[in-house]
Amino acid sequence: MTDTAPSARGPEEPLPRRGFVLLAALTLLWGVNWPMLKIALNELPVLTFRGTCLFFAGLIIIALHRAIGRSVAVPRRQWRPLLITGFFNITVWHLATGFGLVYTTSGRASIIAYTMPIWTVPIGYAVLGERPGWRRMSALALGSAGLGVLIATDAQTLGGAPLGPLLVLCGAIGWACGTVALKRTDWQVSMWVLVGWQCLICGLPIFIAAAVVDAKTVQFPSLWPLVSVIYNIFAPFVICYYLYYEIVRIFPTGVATVGTLGIPMIGLFSGALVLGEPLGWSEFTALGLVVAALAVPVMTRPESFARSG
């Protein structure tokens, strides 16, 4: 795949300023998306919102790829792994996080959602036989502690059972399963094509369910929920996937990974700013633990920050 190929750069050449601009844009767009999701779901049913966004995002991605003259064909032998990874990364992720956001704040959801790399540790061991070292085990412990804080305090903060955090957790674990499945395949298509087809095909059950369940009750959204729908079609999928793969291409792994740690921070504080969501010791404690969990495996490896020669 050419989308994520590292650029040839001499060891003496500084990291490009363009990469930091793209990283800042990615962090902002993905972080702000969490309160945007909440705004849309205040008026639109989960199935309608998710199904609409996935269908049009997939359609636009495939159309753009064709417009620039690239093939969107998928080898026959890779359709099965495409559907498996898409089931976890698209169907499970969008349903679980969508319904989870109905029952919890967008800030808490953003923190829990970004525990997804942590859950690849036990799943990778079970499926791929990857033995976790002390770095991954430390990350798992820190992330679990942060998650425990949010689940334990969610009922006290919102006055109900911690259903929202548990649903978002299911989405994060589903994404981790999809990531492990993704690693098992030597893909012969670009990730953009992969994402486009997954949105179209694996989002189809959600779109059909919305047509059956929501058809008689759904109403055309007001201004800001409509803006949120448009934002979700273009920003998280079309724009952010391009930014992410460009960042991975430009930067060493460590810089790219640590740079994205700001996403749950943006999600937490933008939810408080835009929606007036409460911020207390539990949110800050969980955020610190989860960010530490994501940073430890990379920050303790100096080679992760080495530029490709």
C-alpha atoms as a PDB file:
ATOM      1  CA  MET A   1       0.000   0.000   0.000  1.00  0.00           C
ATOM      2  CA  THR A   2       1.269   3.430  -0.829  1.00  0.00           C
ATOM      3  CA  ASP A   3      -0.975   5.403   1.537  1.00  0.00           C
ATOM      4  CA  THR A   4       1.081   4.707   4.633  1.00  0.00           C
ATOM      5  CA  ALA A   5       4.515   4.277   3.130  1.00  0.00           C
ATOM      6  CA  PRO A   6       7.164   6.218   5.039  1.00  0.00           C
ATOM      7  CA  SER A   7       8.819   8.989   3.115  1.00  0.00           C
ATOM      8  CA  ALA A   8      12.504   8.816   2.368  1.00  0.00           C
ATOM      9  CA  ARG A   9      14.087  11.444   4.589  1.00  0.00           C
ATOM     10  CA  GLY A  10      17.651  11.891   5.664  1.00  0.00           C
ATOM     11  CA  PRO A  11      18.336  11.640   9.403  1.00  0.00           C
ATOM     12  CA  GLU A  12      19.534  15.231   9.506  1.00  0.00           C
ATOM     13  CA  GLU A  13      16.369  16.682   7.972  1.00  0.00           C
ATOM     14  CA  PRO A  14      13.946  18.210  10.527  1.00  0.00           C
ATOM     15  CA  LEU A  15      10.361  17.079  10.792  1.00  0.00           C
ATOM     16  CA  PRO A  16       8.257  19.040   8.298  1.00  0.00           C
ATOM     17  CA  ARG A  17       6.070  21.865   9.541  1.00  0.00           C
ATOM     18  CA  ARG A  18       3.274  20.650   7.256  1.00  0.00           C
ATOM     19  CA  GLY A  19       3.035  17.454   9.285  1.00  0.00           C
ATOM     20  CA  PHE A  20       2.404  19.378  12.509  1.00  0.00           C
ATOM     21  CA  VAL A  21      -0.299  21.449  10.793  1.00  0.00           C
ATOM     22  CA  LEU A  22      -2.018  18.274   9.605  1.00  0.00           C
ATOM     23  CA  LEU A  23      -1.686  16.719  13.057  1.00  0.00           C
ATOM     24  CA  ALA A  24      -3.268  19.753  14.709  1.00  0.00           C
ATOM     25  CA  ALA A  25      -6.134  19.678  12.188  1.00  0.00           C
ATOM     26  CA  LEU A  26      -6.710  15.952  12.762  1.00  0.00           C
ATOM     27  CA  THR A  27      -6.733  16.339  16.547  1.00  0.00           C
ATOM     28  CA  LEU A  28      -9.183  19.226  16.383  1.00  0.00           C
ATOM     29  CA  LEU A  29     -11.570  17.648  13.851  1.00  0.00           C
ATOM     30  CA  TRP A  30     -11.727  14.234  15.536  1.00  0.00           C
ATOM     31  CA  GLY A  31     -11.900  15.727  19.020  1.00  0.00           C
ATOM     32  CA  VAL A  32     -14.687  18.193  18.242  1.00  0.00           C
ATOM     33  CA  ASN A  33     -16.629  15.403  16.573  1.00  0.00           C
ATOM     34  CA  TRP A  34     -17.690  13.977  19.962  1.00  0.00           C
ATOM     35  CA  PRO A  35     -19.933  16.888  20.978  1.00  0.00           C
ATOM     36  CA  MET A  36     -21.071  17.109  17.352  1.00  0.00           C
ATOM     37  CA  LEU A  37     -22.274  13.518  17.629  1.00  0.00           C
ATOM     38  CA  LYS A  38     -24.186  14.363  20.785  1.00  0.00           C
ATOM     39  CA  ILE A  39     -25.857  17.349  19.103  1.00  0.00           C
ATOM     40  CA  ALA A  40     -27.102  15.181  16.236  1.00  0.00           C
ATOM     41  CA  LEU A  41     -28.313  12.392  18.513  1.00  0.00           C
ATOM     42  CA  ASN A  42     -30.391  14.831  20.559  1.00  0.00           C
ATOM     43  CA  GLU A  43     -32.802  14.939  17.596  1.00  0.00           C
ATOM     44  CA  LEU A  44     -32.003  12.018  15.308  1.00  0.00           C
ATOM     45  CA  PRO A  45     -32.338   8.300  16.124  1.00  0.00           C
ATOM     46  CA  VAL A  46     -29.027   6.469  16.298  1.00  0.00           C
ATOM     47  CA  LEU A  47     -29.816   4.160  13.366  1.00  0.00           C
ATOM     48  CA  THR A  48     -30.864   7.008  11.071  1.00  0.00           C
ATOM     49  CA  PHE A  49     -27.890   9.184  11.959  1.00  0.00           C
ATOM     50  CA  ARG A  50     -25.254   6.465  11.716  1.00  0.00           C
ATOM     51  CA  GLY A  51     -26.756   4.830   8.621  1.00  0.00           C
ATOM     52  CA  THR A  52     -26.998   8.133   6.719  1.00  0.00           C
ATOM     53  CA  CYS A  53     -23.451   9.217   7.588  1.00  0.00           C
ATOM     54  CA  LEU A  54     -21.911   5.852   6.709  1.00  0.00           C
ATOM     55  CA  PHE A  55     -23.730   5.531   3.387  1.00  0.00           C
ATOM     56  CA  PHE A  56     -22.833   8.990   2.082  1.00  0.00           C
ATOM     57  CA  ALA A  57     -19.288   8.925   3.493  1.00  0.00           C
ATOM     58  CA  GLY A  58     -18.577   5.597   1.785  1.00  0.00           C
ATOM     59  CA  LEU A  59     -20.100   6.819  -1.460  1.00  0.00           C
ATOM     60  CA  ILE A  60     -18.003  10.010  -1.433  1.00  0.00           C
ATOM     61  CA  ILE A  61     -14.761   8.179  -0.615  1.00  0.00           C
ATOM     62  CA  ILE A  62     -15.218   5.666  -3.442  1.00  0.00           C
ATOM     63  CA  ALA A  63     -16.281   8.403  -5.874  1.00  0.00           C
ATOM     64  CA  LEU A  64     -13.263  10.564  -5.005  1.00  0.00           C
ATOM     65  CA  HIS A  65     -10.928   7.622  -5.468  1.00  0.00           C
ATOM     66  CA  ARG A  66     -12.389   6.959  -8.900  1.00  0.00           C
ATOM     67  CA  ALA A  67     -12.257  10.669  -9.770  1.00  0.00           C
ATOM     68  CA  ILE A  68      -8.477  10.790  -9.250  1.00  0.00           C
ATOM     69  CA  GLY A  69      -8.088   7.785 -11.511  1.00  0.00           C
ATOM     70  CA  ARG A  70      -7.358   5.070  -8.942  1.00  0.00           C
ATOM     71  CA  SER A  71      -8.858   1.603  -8.902  1.00  0.00           C
ATOM     72  CA  VAL A  72     -11.448   0.745  -6.278  1.00  0.00           C
ATOM     73  CA  ALA A  73     -11.373  -2.984  -7.066  1.00  0.00           C
ATOM     74  CA  VAL A  74     -10.808  -5.432  -4.207  1.00  0.00           C
ATOM     75  CA  PRO A  75      -9.193  -8.845  -4.863  1.00  0.00           C
ATOM     76  CA  ARG A  76     -11.721 -11.630  -4.405  1.00  0.00           C
ATOM     77  CA  ARG A  77      -9.693 -13.306  -1.648  1.00  0.00           C
ATOM     78  CA  GLN A  78      -9.736 -10.109   0.413  1.00  0.00           C
ATOM     79  CA  TRP A  79     -13.470  -9.549   0.530  1.00  0.00           C
ATOM     80  CA  ARG A  80     -13.857 -11.882   3.503  1.00  0.00           C
ATOM     81  CA  PRO A  81     -11.289 -10.094   5.732  1.00  0.00           C
ATOM     82  CA  LEU A  82     -12.696  -6.756   4.524  1.00  0.00           C
ATOM     83  CA  LEU A  83     -16.153  -7.745   5.776  1.00  0.00           C
ATOM     84  CA  ILE A  84     -14.811  -9.123   9.060  1.00  0.00           C
ATOM     85  CA  THR A  85     -12.820  -5.996   9.886  1.00  0.00           C
ATOM     86  CA  GLY A  86     -15.687  -3.820   8.675  1.00  0.00           C
ATOM     87  CA  PHE A  87     -18.152  -5.603  10.945  1.00  0.00           C
ATOM     88  CA  PHE A  88     -16.070  -4.667  13.993  1.00  0.00           C
ATOM     89  CA  ASN A  89     -14.741  -1.272  12.877  1.00  0.00           C
ATOM     90  CA  ILE A  90     -17.933  -0.019  11.253  1.00  0.00           C
ATOM     91  CA  THR A  91     -21.052  -1.919  12.356  1.00  0.00           C
ATOM     92  CA  VAL A  92     -20.130  -2.635  15.988  1.00  0.00           C
ATOM     93  CA  TRP A  93     -18.230   0.619  16.552  1.00  0.00           C
ATOM     94  CA  HIS A  94     -20.901   2.957  15.199  1.00  0.00           C
ATOM     95  CA  LEU A  95     -23.842   1.176  16.815  1.00  0.00           C
ATOM     96  CA  ALA A  96     -22.199   0.792  20.226  1.00  0.00           C
ATOM     97  CA  THR A  97     -20.782   4.322  20.426  1.00  0.00           C
ATOM     98  CA  GLY A  98     -23.970   5.806  18.965  1.00  0.00           C
ATOM     99  CA  PHE A  99     -26.266   4.217  21.544  1.00  0.00           C
ATOM    100  CA  GLY A 100     -23.644   4.791  24.254  1.00  0.00           C
ATOM    101  CA  LEU A 101     -23.688   8.535  23.589  1.00  0.00           C
ATOM    102  CA  VAL A 102     -27.404   8.580  24.286  1.00  0.00           C
ATOM    103  CA  TYR A 103     -26.704   7.544  27.892  1.00  0.00           C
ATOM    104  CA  THR A 104     -23.473   9.371  28.732  1.00  0.00           C
ATOM    105  CA  THR A 105     -21.671  12.627  28.040  1.00  0.00           C
ATOM    106  CA  SER A 106     -19.622  13.149  24.894  1.00  0.00           C
ATOM    107  CA  GLY A 107     -16.504  13.899  26.951  1.00  0.00           C
ATOM    108  CA  ARG A 108     -16.675  10.623  28.855  1.00  0.00           C
ATOM    109  CA  ALA A 109     -17.416   8.755  25.643  1.00  0.00           C
ATOM    110  CA  SER A 110     -14.344  10.238  23.932  1.00  0.00           C
ATOM    111  CA  ILE A 111     -12.081   9.078  26.764  1.00  0.00           C
ATOM    112  CA  ILE A 112     -13.506   5.549  26.814  1.00  0.00           C
ATOM    113  CA  ALA A 113     -13.447   5.274  23.033  1.00  0.00           C
ATOM    114  CA  TYR A 114      -9.733   6.029  22.961  1.00  0.00           C
ATOM    115  CA  THR A 115      -8.975   3.031  25.149  1.00  0.00           C
ATOM    116  CA  MET A 116      -9.360   1.001  21.936  1.00  0.00           C
ATOM    117  CA  PRO A 117      -5.579   0.513  21.359  1.00  0.00           C
ATOM    118  CA  ILE A 118      -5.296  -0.880  24.894  1.00  0.00           C
ATOM    119  CA  TRP A 119      -7.713  -3.745  24.252  1.00  0.00           C
ATOM    120  CA  THR A 120      -5.602  -4.988  21.361  1.00  0.00           C
ATOM    121  CA  VAL A 121      -3.222  -6.381  24.015  1.00  0.00           C
ATOM    122  CA  PRO A 122      -5.395  -9.266  25.318  1.00  0.00           C
ATOM    123  CA  ILE A 123      -7.077  -9.757  21.938  1.00  0.00           C
ATOM    124  CA  GLY A 124      -3.744  -9.842  20.105  1.00  0.00           C
ATOM    125  CA  TYR A 125      -2.457 -12.401  22.572  1.00  0.00           C
ATOM    126  CA  ALA A 126      -5.553 -14.592  22.197  1.00  0.00           C
ATOM    127  CA  VAL A 127      -5.789 -14.382  18.393  1.00  0.00           C
ATOM    128  CA  LEU A 128      -2.270 -13.716  17.140  1.00  0.00           C
ATOM    129  CA  GLY A 129      -0.234 -15.142  19.995  1.00  0.00           C
ATOM    130  CA  GLU A 130       1.474 -11.788  20.557  1.00  0.00           C
ATOM    131  CA  ARG A 131       3.008 -11.877  24.029  1.00  0.00           C
ATOM    132  CA  PRO A 132       2.645  -8.485  25.717  1.00  0.00           C
ATOM    133  CA  GLY A 133       5.713  -6.975  27.352  1.00  0.00           C
ATOM    134  CA  TRP A 134       5.781  -4.713  30.393  1.00  0.00           C
ATOM    135  CA  ARG A 135       4.898  -1.666  28.293  1.00  0.00           C
ATOM    136  CA  ARG A 136       1.646  -3.116  27.014  1.00  0.00           C
ATOM    137  CA  MET A 137       0.734  -4.604  30.374  1.00  0.00           C
ATOM    138  CA  SER A 138       1.321  -1.223  32.018  1.00  0.00           C
ATOM    139  CA  ALA A 139      -0.878   0.402  29.375  1.00  0.00           C
ATOM    140  CA  LEU A 140      -3.605  -2.170  29.989  1.00  0.00           C
ATOM    141  CA  ALA A 141      -3.488  -1.564  33.749  1.00  0.00           C
ATOM    142  CA  LEU A 142      -3.582   2.235  33.407  1.00  0.00           C
ATOM    143  CA  GLY A 143      -6.365   2.165  30.832  1.00  0.00           C
ATOM    144  CA  SER A 144      -8.441  -0.250  32.903  1.00  0.00           C
ATOM    145  CA  ALA A 145      -8.056   2.002  35.938  1.00  0.00           C
ATOM    146  CA  GLY A 146      -9.228   5.034  33.972  1.00  0.00           C
ATOM    147  CA  LEU A 147     -12.163   3.101  32.584  1.00  0.00           C
ATOM    148  CA  GLY A 148     -13.078   1.883  36.057  1.00  0.00           C
ATOM    149  CA  VAL A 149     -13.195   5.460  37.342  1.00  0.00           C
ATOM    150  CA  LEU A 150     -15.655   6.513  34.636  1.00  0.00           C
ATOM    151  CA  ILE A 151     -17.926   3.477  34.948  1.00  0.00           C
ATOM    152  CA  ALA A 152     -17.992   3.664  38.750  1.00  0.00           C
ATOM    153  CA  THR A 153     -18.876   7.372  38.790  1.00  0.00           C
ATOM    154  CA  ASP A 154     -21.194   7.558  35.775  1.00  0.00           C
ATOM    155  CA  ALA A 155     -24.267   6.488  37.734  1.00  0.00           C
ATOM    156  CA  GLN A 156     -23.524   9.084  40.429  1.00  0.00           C
ATOM    157  CA  THR A 157     -22.916  11.879  37.910  1.00  0.00           C
ATOM    158  CA  LEU A 158     -25.850  11.244  35.591  1.00  0.00           C
ATOM    159  CA  GLY A 159     -28.274   9.594  37.996  1.00  0.00           C
ATOM    160  CA  GLY A 160     -28.592   6.245  36.246  1.00  0.00           C
ATOM    161  CA  ALA A 161     -26.933   2.925  35.531  1.00  0.00           C
ATOM    162  CA  PRO A 162     -23.560   3.103  33.703  1.00  0.00           C
ATOM    163  CA  LEU A 163     -25.089   1.802  30.480  1.00  0.00           C
ATOM    164  CA  GLY A 164     -23.528   4.525  28.312  1.00  0.00           C
ATOM    165  CA  PRO A 165     -19.891   3.869  29.274  1.00  0.00           C
ATOM    166  CA  LEU A 166     -20.394   0.114  28.929  1.00  0.00           C
ATOM    167  CA  LEU A 167     -21.791   0.504  25.414  1.00  0.00           C
ATOM    168  CA  VAL A 168     -18.923   2.783  24.382  1.00  0.00           C
ATOM    169  CA  LEU A 169     -16.540   0.223  25.882  1.00  0.00           C
ATOM    170  CA  CYS A 170     -18.121  -2.447  23.648  1.00  0.00           C
ATOM    171  CA  GLY A 171     -17.427  -0.167  20.692  1.00  0.00           C
ATOM    172  CA  ALA A 172     -13.790   0.294  21.755  1.00  0.00           C
ATOM    173  CA  ILE A 173     -13.311  -3.471  22.158  1.00  0.00           C
ATOM    174  CA  GLY A 174     -14.997  -3.998  18.782  1.00  0.00           C
ATOM    175  CA  TRP A 175     -12.547  -1.569  17.182  1.00  0.00           C
ATOM    176  CA  ALA A 176      -9.651  -3.427  18.837  1.00  0.00           C
ATOM    177  CA  CYS A 177     -10.963  -6.700  17.370  1.00  0.00           C
ATOM    178  CA  GLY A 178     -11.115  -5.056  13.959  1.00  0.00           C
ATOM    179  CA  THR A 179      -7.557  -3.776  14.349  1.00  0.00           C
ATOM    180  CA  VAL A 180      -6.268  -7.248  15.175  1.00  0.00           C
ATOM    181  CA  ALA A 181      -8.165  -8.670  12.179  1.00  0.00           C
ATOM    182  CA  LEU A 182      -6.707  -5.885  10.033  1.00  0.00           C
ATOM    183  CA  LYS A 183      -3.170  -6.932  10.999  1.00  0.00           C
ATOM    184  CA  ARG A 184      -3.774 -10.501   9.834  1.00  0.00           C
ATOM    185  CA  THR A 185      -4.212  -9.461   6.205  1.00  0.00           C
ATOM    186  CA  ASP A 186      -1.613  -8.244   3.716  1.00  0.00           C
ATOM    187  CA  TRP A 187      -3.923  -5.755   2.038  1.00  0.00           C
ATOM    188  CA  GLN A 188      -3.605  -5.221  -1.703  1.00  0.00           C
ATOM    189  CA  VAL A 189      -5.841  -2.139  -1.684  1.00  0.00           C
ATOM    190  CA  SER A 190      -5.307   1.321  -0.217  1.00  0.00           C
ATOM    191  CA  MET A 191      -6.797   2.057   3.175  1.00  0.00           C
ATOM    192  CA  TRP A 192      -9.003   4.732   1.647  1.00  0.00           C
ATOM    193  CA  VAL A 193     -10.632   2.144  -0.615  1.00  0.00           C
ATOM    194  CA  LEU A 194     -10.900  -0.232   2.323  1.00  0.00           C
ATOM    195  CA  VAL A 195     -12.675   2.369   4.459  1.00  0.00           C
ATOM    196  CA  GLY A 196     -14.980   3.382   1.592  1.00  0.00           C
ATOM    197  CA  TRP A 197     -16.211  -0.152   0.913  1.00  0.00           C
ATOM    198  CA  GLN A 198     -16.538  -0.920   4.613  1.00  0.00           C
ATOM    199  CA  CYS A 199     -18.700   2.171   5.145  1.00  0.00           C
ATOM    200  CA  LEU A 200     -20.950   1.225   2.241  1.00  0.00           C
ATOM    201  CA  ILE A 201     -21.279  -2.507   2.868  1.00  0.00           C
ATOM    202  CA  CYS A 202     -20.968  -2.807   6.647  1.00  0.00           C
ATOM    203  CA  GLY A 203     -23.049   0.298   7.192  1.00  0.00           C
ATOM    204  CA  LEU A 204     -25.822  -1.167   5.024  1.00  0.00           C
ATOM    205  CA  PRO A 205     -27.435  -3.189   7.884  1.00  0.00           C
ATOM    206  CA  ILE A 206     -27.650   0.014   9.921  1.00  0.00           C
ATOM    207  CA  PHE A 207     -29.174   1.904   6.975  1.00  0.00           C
ATOM    208  CA  ILE A 208     -31.760  -0.860   6.396  1.00  0.00           C
ATOM    209  CA  ALA A 209     -32.589  -1.060  10.104  1.00  0.00           C
ATOM    210  CA  ALA A 210     -33.121   2.709  10.153  1.00  0.00           C
ATOM    211  CA  ALA A 211     -35.513   2.460   7.204  1.00  0.00           C
ATOM    212  CA  VAL A 212     -37.534  -0.193   9.029  1.00  0.00           C
ATOM    213  CA  VAL A 213     -37.437   1.115  12.598  1.00  0.00           C
ATOM    214  CA  ASP A 214     -37.285   4.906  12.222  1.00  0.00           C
ATOM    215  CA  ALA A 215     -39.211   5.551   8.994  1.00  0.00           C
ATOM    216  CA  LYS A 216     -42.470   6.585  10.664  1.00  0.00           C
ATOM    217  CA  THR A 217     -41.011   8.654  13.486  1.00  0.00           C
ATOM    218  CA  VAL A 218     -37.895  10.395  12.175  1.00  0.00           C
ATOM    219  CA  GLN A 219     -38.185  14.069  11.262  1.00  0.00           C
ATOM    220  CA  PHE A 220     -35.931  16.346   9.289  1.00  0.00           C
ATOM    221  CA  PRO A 221     -33.409  17.796  11.754  1.00  0.00           C
ATOM    222  CA  SER A 222     -33.094  21.432  12.733  1.00  0.00           C
ATOM    223  CA  LEU A 223     -30.044  23.509  11.834  1.00  0.00           C
ATOM    224  CA  TRP A 224     -27.344  22.333  14.239  1.00  0.00           C
ATOM    225  CA  PRO A 225     -28.141  18.613  14.115  1.00  0.00           C
ATOM    226  CA  LEU A 226     -28.147  18.941  10.308  1.00  0.00           C
ATOM    227  CA  VAL A 227     -24.751  20.659  10.467  1.00  0.00           C
ATOM    228  CA  SER A 228     -23.570  17.759  12.633  1.00  0.00           C
ATOM    229  CA  VAL A 229     -24.719  15.222  10.032  1.00  0.00           C
ATOM    230  CA  ILE A 230     -22.847  17.058   7.269  1.00  0.00           C
ATOM    231  CA  TYR A 231     -19.792  17.420   9.503  1.00  0.00           C
ATOM    232  CA  ASN A 232     -19.801  13.693  10.295  1.00  0.00           C
ATOM    233  CA  ILE A 233     -20.031  12.721   6.648  1.00  0.00           C
ATOM    234  CA  PHE A 234     -17.042  14.820   5.608  1.00  0.00           C
ATOM    235  CA  ALA A 235     -14.780  15.427   8.623  1.00  0.00           C
ATOM    236  CA  PRO A 236     -14.312  12.094  10.468  1.00  0.00           C
ATOM    237  CA  PHE A 237     -14.241   9.976   7.310  1.00  0.00           C
ATOM    238  CA  VAL A 238     -13.268  11.831   4.141  1.00  0.00           C
ATOM    239  CA  ILE A 239     -10.958  14.486   5.617  1.00  0.00           C
ATOM    240  CA  CYS A 240      -9.603  12.827   8.766  1.00  0.00           C
ATOM    241  CA  TYR A 241      -8.696   9.511   7.170  1.00  0.00           C
ATOM    242  CA  TYR A 242      -6.677  11.393   4.567  1.00  0.00           C
ATOM    243  CA  LEU A 243      -5.005  13.456   7.297  1.00  0.00           C
ATOM    244  CA  TYR A 244      -4.249  10.382   9.391  1.00  0.00           C
ATOM    245  CA  TYR A 245      -2.547   8.446   6.598  1.00  0.00           C
ATOM    246  CA  GLU A 246      -0.588  11.529   5.548  1.00  0.00           C
ATOM    247  CA  ILE A 247       0.597  11.983   9.139  1.00  0.00           C
ATOM    248  CA  VAL A 248       1.662   8.338   9.381  1.00  0.00           C
ATOM    249  CA  ARG A 249       3.511   8.751   6.062  1.00  0.00           C
ATOM    250  CA  ILE A 250       5.305  11.930   7.150  1.00  0.00           C
ATOM    251  CA  PHE A 251       6.107  11.255  10.806  1.00  0.00           C
ATOM    252  CA  PRO A 252       7.809   8.464  12.757  1.00  0.00           C
ATOM    253  CA  THR A 253       5.373   6.206  14.614  1.00  0.00           C
ATOM    254  CA  GLY A 254       6.068   7.792  17.988  1.00  0.00           C
ATOM    255  CA  VAL A 255       5.348  11.351  16.875  1.00  0.00           C
ATOM    256  CA  ALA A 256       2.149  10.319  15.066  1.00  0.00           C
ATOM    257  CA  THR A 257       0.875   8.309  18.039  1.00  0.00           C
ATOM    258  CA  VAL A 258       1.697  10.812  20.768  1.00  0.00           C
ATOM    259  CA  GLY A 259       0.271  13.621  18.647  1.00  0.00           C
ATOM    260  CA  THR A 260      -3.167  11.983  18.549  1.00  0.00           C
ATOM    261  CA  LEU A 261      -3.309  11.806  22.364  1.00  0.00           C
ATOM    262  CA  GLY A 262      -4.849  15.265  22.238  1.00  0.00           C
ATOM    263  CA  ILE A 263      -8.054  13.904  20.646  1.00  0.00           C
ATOM    264  CA  PRO A 264      -9.769  12.725  23.868  1.00  0.00           C
ATOM    265  CA  MET A 265      -8.633  15.963  25.537  1.00  0.00           C
ATOM    266  CA  ILE A 266     -10.320  18.017  22.818  1.00  0.00           C
ATOM    267  CA  GLY A 267     -13.376  15.766  23.075  1.00  0.00           C
ATOM    268  CA  LEU A 268     -13.623  16.280  26.842  1.00  0.00           C
ATOM    269  CA  PHE A 269     -13.141  20.053  26.901  1.00  0.00           C
ATOM    270  CA  SER A 270     -15.207  20.785  23.778  1.00  0.00           C
ATOM    271  CA  GLY A 271     -18.085  18.809  25.298  1.00  0.00           C
ATOM    272  CA  ALA A 272     -17.877  21.000  28.404  1.00  0.00           C
ATOM    273  CA  LEU A 273     -17.613  24.197  26.339  1.00  0.00           C
ATOM    274  CA  VAL A 274     -20.285  23.477  23.723  1.00  0.00           C
ATOM    275  CA  LEU A 275     -22.746  21.341  25.690  1.00  0.00           C
ATOM    276  CA  GLY A 276     -22.046  22.402  29.252  1.00  0.00           C
ATOM    277  CA  GLU A 277     -21.093  18.870  30.284  1.00  0.00           C
ATOM    278  CA  PRO A 278     -19.758  18.578  33.849  1.00  0.00           C
ATOM    279  CA  LEU A 279     -16.040  18.308  34.489  1.00  0.00           C
ATOM    280  CA  GLY A 280     -14.897  16.853  37.792  1.00  0.00           C
ATOM    281  CA  TRP A 281     -12.180  14.789  39.392  1.00  0.00           C
ATOM    282  CA  SER A 282     -13.380  11.597  37.697  1.00  0.00           C
ATOM    283  CA  GLU A 283     -13.116  13.020  34.170  1.00  0.00           C
ATOM    284  CA  PHE A 284      -9.654  14.502  34.762  1.00  0.00           C
ATOM    285  CA  THR A 285      -8.397  11.373  36.544  1.00  0.00           C
ATOM    286  CA  ALA A 286      -9.666   9.062  33.818  1.00  0.00           C
ATOM    287  CA  LEU A 287      -8.270  11.304  31.092  1.00  0.00           C
ATOM    288  CA  GLY A 288      -4.844  11.314  32.706  1.00  0.00           C
ATOM    289  CA  LEU A 289      -4.817   7.537  33.153  1.00  0.00           C
ATOM    290  CA  VAL A 290      -5.950   6.819  29.590  1.00  0.00           C
ATOM    291  CA  VAL A 291      -3.509   9.294  28.021  1.00  0.00           C
ATOM    292  CA  ALA A 292      -0.702   7.768  30.113  1.00  0.00           C
ATOM    293  CA  ALA A 293      -1.778   4.294  28.995  1.00  0.00           C
ATOM    294  CA  LEU A 294      -1.604   5.296  25.339  1.00  0.00           C
ATOM    295  CA  ALA A 295       1.697   7.156  25.758  1.00  0.00           C
ATOM    296  CA  VAL A 296       3.715   4.613  27.791  1.00  0.00           C
ATOM    297  CA  PRO A 297       4.299   2.024  25.014  1.00  0.00           C
ATOM    298  CA  VAL A 298       5.587   4.732  22.664  1.00  0.00           C
ATOM    299  CA  MET A 299       7.328   7.183  24.982  1.00  0.00           C
ATOM    300  CA  THR A 300       9.487   4.416  26.459  1.00  0.00           C
ATOM    301  CA  ARG A 301      10.786   3.436  23.022  1.00  0.00           C
ATOM    302  CA  PRO A 302      13.220   6.070  21.678  1.00  0.00           C
ATOM    303  CA  GLU A 303      13.328   4.287  18.322  1.00  0.00           C
ATOM    304  CA  SER A 304       9.651   5.197  17.815  1.00  0.00           C
ATOM    305  CA  PHE A 305      10.750   8.791  17.296  1.00  0.00           C
ATOM    306  CA  ALA A 306      13.582   8.011  14.873  1.00  0.00           C
ATOM    307  CA  ARG A 307      13.117   9.310  11.342  1.00  0.00           C
ATOM    308  CA  SER A 308      13.275   6.897   8.445  1.00  0.00           C
ATOM    309  CA  GLY A 309      16.489   7.091   6.463  1.00  0.00           C
END
